[in-house]
């Protein structure tokens, strides 16, 4: 069904000169069964996985240290509970 929608979208865009909402190539890519692993990064760069919560906490701390984010009262209340 998505392929039909993409074909119609592309054809309509060509006829009207408008923008294509979704392309056949994009639908095919979304339907592809791609297998991706982190094995190469682990082997060649020594990269190690870590818990998402820990990673996000470090990201937030970095943004705050760079003054790109501020401590919000809502966040303070949520983490105190």
C-alpha atoms as a PDB file:
ATOM      1  CA  UNK A   1       0.000   0.000   0.000  1.00  0.00           C
ATOM      2  CA  UNK A   2       2.844   2.374   0.836  1.00  0.00           C
ATOM      3  CA  UNK A   3       4.412   1.771  -2.564  1.00  0.00           C
ATOM      4  CA  UNK A   4       1.158   2.723  -4.281  1.00  0.00           C
ATOM      5  CA  UNK A   5       0.905   5.885  -2.173  1.00  0.00           C
ATOM      6  CA  UNK A   6       4.506   6.814  -3.023  1.00  0.00           C
ATOM      7  CA  UNK A   7       3.930   6.230  -6.737  1.00  0.00           C
ATOM      8  CA  UNK A   8       0.815   8.395  -6.689  1.00  0.00           C
ATOM      9  CA  UNK A   9       2.608  11.074  -4.657  1.00  0.00           C
ATOM     10  CA  UNK A  10       5.525  11.218  -7.080  1.00  0.00           C
ATOM     11  CA  UNK A  11       3.256  11.288 -10.126  1.00  0.00           C
ATOM     12  CA  UNK A  12       1.070  14.016  -8.641  1.00  0.00           C
ATOM     13  CA  UNK A  13       4.145  16.099  -7.804  1.00  0.00           C
ATOM     14  CA  UNK A  14       5.367  15.803 -11.392  1.00  0.00           C
ATOM     15  CA  UNK A  15       1.970  16.813 -12.778  1.00  0.00           C
ATOM     16  CA  UNK A  16       1.397  19.747 -10.440  1.00  0.00           C
ATOM     17  CA  UNK A  17       4.998  20.826  -9.903  1.00  0.00           C
ATOM     18  CA  UNK A  18       4.507  20.369  -6.178  1.00  0.00           C
ATOM     19  CA  UNK A  19       6.549  18.503  -3.618  1.00  0.00           C
ATOM     20  CA  UNK A  20       6.611  14.732  -3.267  1.00  0.00           C
ATOM     21  CA  UNK A  21       5.452  13.701   0.175  1.00  0.00           C
ATOM     22  CA  UNK A  22       7.132  10.308   0.014  1.00  0.00           C
ATOM     23  CA  UNK A  23       9.209   8.668  -2.699  1.00  0.00           C
ATOM     24  CA  UNK A  24       9.321   5.098  -3.924  1.00  0.00           C
ATOM     25  CA  UNK A  25      12.988   4.979  -2.935  1.00  0.00           C
ATOM     26  CA  UNK A  26      12.144   6.033   0.638  1.00  0.00           C
ATOM     27  CA  UNK A  27       9.429   3.389   0.969  1.00  0.00           C
ATOM     28  CA  UNK A  28      11.741   0.693  -0.369  1.00  0.00           C
ATOM     29  CA  UNK A  29      14.421   1.728   2.116  1.00  0.00           C
ATOM     30  CA  UNK A  30      11.931   1.609   5.006  1.00  0.00           C
ATOM     31  CA  UNK A  31      10.851  -1.877   3.959  1.00  0.00           C
ATOM     32  CA  UNK A  32      14.408  -3.206   3.621  1.00  0.00           C
ATOM     33  CA  UNK A  33      15.521  -5.615   6.298  1.00  0.00           C
ATOM     34  CA  UNK A  34      18.805  -4.023   7.281  1.00  0.00           C
ATOM     35  CA  UNK A  35      21.016  -5.570   9.928  1.00  0.00           C
ATOM     36  CA  UNK A  36      23.245  -3.142  11.778  1.00  0.00           C
ATOM     37  CA  UNK A  37      25.587  -3.926  14.649  1.00  0.00           C
ATOM     38  CA  UNK A  38      28.104  -2.026  16.713  1.00  0.00           C
ATOM     39  CA  UNK A  39      30.728  -4.782  16.343  1.00  0.00           C
ATOM     40  CA  UNK A  40      33.099  -2.731  14.180  1.00  0.00           C
ATOM     41  CA  UNK A  41      33.054   0.240  16.572  1.00  0.00           C
ATOM     42  CA  UNK A  42      33.635  -2.119  19.485  1.00  0.00           C
ATOM     43  CA  UNK A  43      36.562  -3.866  17.784  1.00  0.00           C
ATOM     44  CA  UNK A  44      38.284  -0.943  16.078  1.00  0.00           C
ATOM     45  CA  UNK A  45      37.542   1.914  18.461  1.00  0.00           C
ATOM     46  CA  UNK A  46      37.074   0.122  21.764  1.00  0.00           C
ATOM     47  CA  UNK A  47      33.560   1.533  22.052  1.00  0.00           C
ATOM     48  CA  UNK A  48      31.495   0.114  24.904  1.00  0.00           C
ATOM     49  CA  UNK A  49      27.743   0.170  25.318  1.00  0.00           C
ATOM     50  CA  UNK A  50      26.290   1.637  28.469  1.00  0.00           C
ATOM     51  CA  UNK A  51      22.824   2.134  29.916  1.00  0.00           C
ATOM     52  CA  UNK A  52      20.661   4.736  28.180  1.00  0.00           C
ATOM     53  CA  UNK A  53      19.815   6.470  31.469  1.00  0.00           C
ATOM     54  CA  UNK A  54      23.533   6.968  32.213  1.00  0.00           C
ATOM     55  CA  UNK A  55      24.203   8.280  28.711  1.00  0.00           C
ATOM     56  CA  UNK A  56      21.309  10.746  28.836  1.00  0.00           C
ATOM     57  CA  UNK A  57      22.346  11.969  32.299  1.00  0.00           C
ATOM     58  CA  UNK A  58      25.842  12.697  30.954  1.00  0.00           C
ATOM     59  CA  UNK A  59      24.377  14.488  27.931  1.00  0.00           C
ATOM     60  CA  UNK A  60      22.179  16.705  30.098  1.00  0.00           C
ATOM     61  CA  UNK A  61      25.113  17.467  32.418  1.00  0.00           C
ATOM     62  CA  UNK A  62      27.263  18.458  29.436  1.00  0.00           C
ATOM     63  CA  UNK A  63      24.566  20.736  27.984  1.00  0.00           C
ATOM     64  CA  UNK A  64      24.173  22.399  31.366  1.00  0.00           C
ATOM     65  CA  UNK A  65      27.941  22.834  31.801  1.00  0.00           C
ATOM     66  CA  UNK A  66      28.047  24.527  28.395  1.00  0.00           C
ATOM     67  CA  UNK A  67      25.062  26.683  29.405  1.00  0.00           C
ATOM     68  CA  UNK A  68      23.014  25.264  26.539  1.00  0.00           C
ATOM     69  CA  UNK A  69      20.292  24.011  28.893  1.00  0.00           C
ATOM     70  CA  UNK A  70      19.028  25.097  32.277  1.00  0.00           C
ATOM     71  CA  UNK A  71      17.820  23.234  35.329  1.00  0.00           C
ATOM     72  CA  UNK A  72      14.032  23.335  35.189  1.00  0.00           C
ATOM     73  CA  UNK A  73      11.835  23.301  38.277  1.00  0.00           C
ATOM     74  CA  UNK A  74       9.686  20.554  36.732  1.00  0.00           C
ATOM     75  CA  UNK A  75      12.734  18.347  36.182  1.00  0.00           C
ATOM     76  CA  UNK A  76      13.951  18.983  39.733  1.00  0.00           C
ATOM     77  CA  UNK A  77      10.575  17.928  41.183  1.00  0.00           C
ATOM     78  CA  UNK A  78      10.389  14.861  38.921  1.00  0.00           C
ATOM     79  CA  UNK A  79      13.833  13.572  39.849  1.00  0.00           C
ATOM     80  CA  UNK A  80      13.353  14.277  43.570  1.00  0.00           C
ATOM     81  CA  UNK A  81      10.319  11.974  43.735  1.00  0.00           C
END
